[in-house]
Amino acid sequence: MQILCVDDDIISIKIYENVLLQNGFQKNEISLAKNADEALNLIHTYHFDILITDLIMPDMSGLELLKETKLHSPETEVIVA
């Protein structure tokens, strides 16, 4: 399973990563992005089963990222936090 975590707050990203690692996911199953542009580049390059994204980010909101993700990868499950 491949998971992408997106948040402009680096502390939040590290928290997501640590929670996932503590719950049985492997480091190679988790990708991290610090903004929506970085996330979209990853989404267009790799397949993700789950996207966890912050709602409020500077350049693109989590809802906008959700819409873009679903256009490219409709099977990806999205959690907006």
Protein backbone atom coordinates (compact mmCIF):
# COMPACT_ATOMS: atom_id res chain seq x y z
CA MET A 1 0.00 0.00 0.00
CA GLN A 2 1.32 3.44 -0.93
CA ILE A 3 0.37 6.50 1.11
CA LEU A 4 1.05 10.17 0.36
CA CYS A 5 0.89 12.71 3.21
CA VAL A 6 0.68 16.39 2.27
CA ASP A 7 0.94 19.33 4.66
CA ASP A 8 2.69 22.69 4.60
CA ASP A 9 3.53 22.20 8.29
CA ILE A 10 6.59 19.94 8.54
CA ILE A 11 5.71 18.92 12.11
CA SER A 12 2.31 17.64 10.97
CA ILE A 13 3.92 15.64 8.17
CA LYS A 14 6.31 14.01 10.64
CA ILE A 15 3.39 13.20 12.95
CA TYR A 16 1.51 11.50 10.07
CA GLU A 17 4.64 9.53 9.20
CA ASN A 18 5.27 8.45 12.80
CA VAL A 19 1.66 7.35 13.34
CA LEU A 20 1.74 5.29 10.14
CA LEU A 21 5.07 3.70 11.06
CA GLN A 22 3.78 2.85 14.54
CA ASN A 23 0.76 1.18 12.96
CA GLY A 24 2.64 -1.29 10.81
CA PHE A 25 3.39 0.62 7.62
CA GLN A 26 6.91 0.50 6.24
CA LYS A 27 9.01 3.58 5.44
CA ASN A 28 8.97 2.69 1.71
CA GLU A 29 5.15 2.80 1.71
CA ILE A 30 5.01 6.43 2.85
CA SER A 31 5.73 9.51 0.74
CA LEU A 32 5.71 13.05 2.09
CA ALA A 33 5.04 16.35 0.34
CA LYS A 34 5.26 19.84 1.81
CA ASN A 35 2.83 21.46 -0.65
CA ALA A 36 0.20 20.65 -3.26
CA ASP A 37 2.54 21.18 -6.24
CA GLU A 38 5.00 18.66 -4.85
CA ALA A 39 2.12 16.28 -4.18
CA LEU A 40 0.75 16.59 -7.72
CA ASN A 41 4.18 15.84 -9.17
CA LEU A 42 4.30 12.65 -7.09
CA ILE A 43 0.70 11.74 -7.97
CA HIS A 44 1.47 12.08 -11.69
CA THR A 45 4.58 9.91 -11.28
CA TYR A 46 3.52 7.19 -8.83
CA HIS A 47 0.35 5.37 -7.79
CA PHE A 48 -0.98 6.06 -4.30
CA ASP A 49 -3.69 4.08 -2.57
CA ILE A 50 -4.30 6.78 0.03
CA LEU A 51 -3.74 10.53 0.08
CA ILE A 52 -3.82 12.32 3.44
CA THR A 53 -3.86 16.09 2.97
CA ASP A 54 -4.16 19.24 5.01
CA LEU A 55 -7.25 21.29 4.20
CA ILE A 56 -5.65 24.74 4.32
CA MET A 57 -2.40 25.22 2.39
CA PRO A 58 -0.98 28.38 0.77
CA ASP A 59 -1.11 27.63 -2.96
CA MET A 60 -3.86 25.03 -3.29
CA SER A 61 -6.38 23.84 -0.71
CA GLY A 62 -6.79 20.21 0.25
CA LEU A 63 -10.16 20.17 -1.52
CA GLU A 64 -8.58 21.40 -4.75
CA LEU A 65 -5.87 18.77 -4.36
CA LEU A 66 -8.58 16.14 -3.83
CA LYS A 67 -10.27 17.18 -7.10
CA GLU A 68 -6.99 17.09 -9.04
CA THR A 69 -6.09 13.72 -7.54
CA LYS A 70 -9.45 12.20 -8.47
CA LEU A 71 -9.08 13.43 -12.08
CA HIS A 72 -5.74 11.65 -12.41
CA SER A 73 -6.28 8.71 -10.08
CA PRO A 74 -9.98 8.14 -9.25
CA GLU A 75 -9.26 5.00 -7.24
CA THR A 76 -7.07 6.84 -4.70
CA GLU A 77 -8.81 7.25 -1.35
CA VAL A 78 -8.45 10.80 0.04
CA ILE A 79 -8.53 11.95 3.65
CA VAL A 80 -8.72 15.73 4.17
CA ALA A 81 -7.66 16.71 7.67
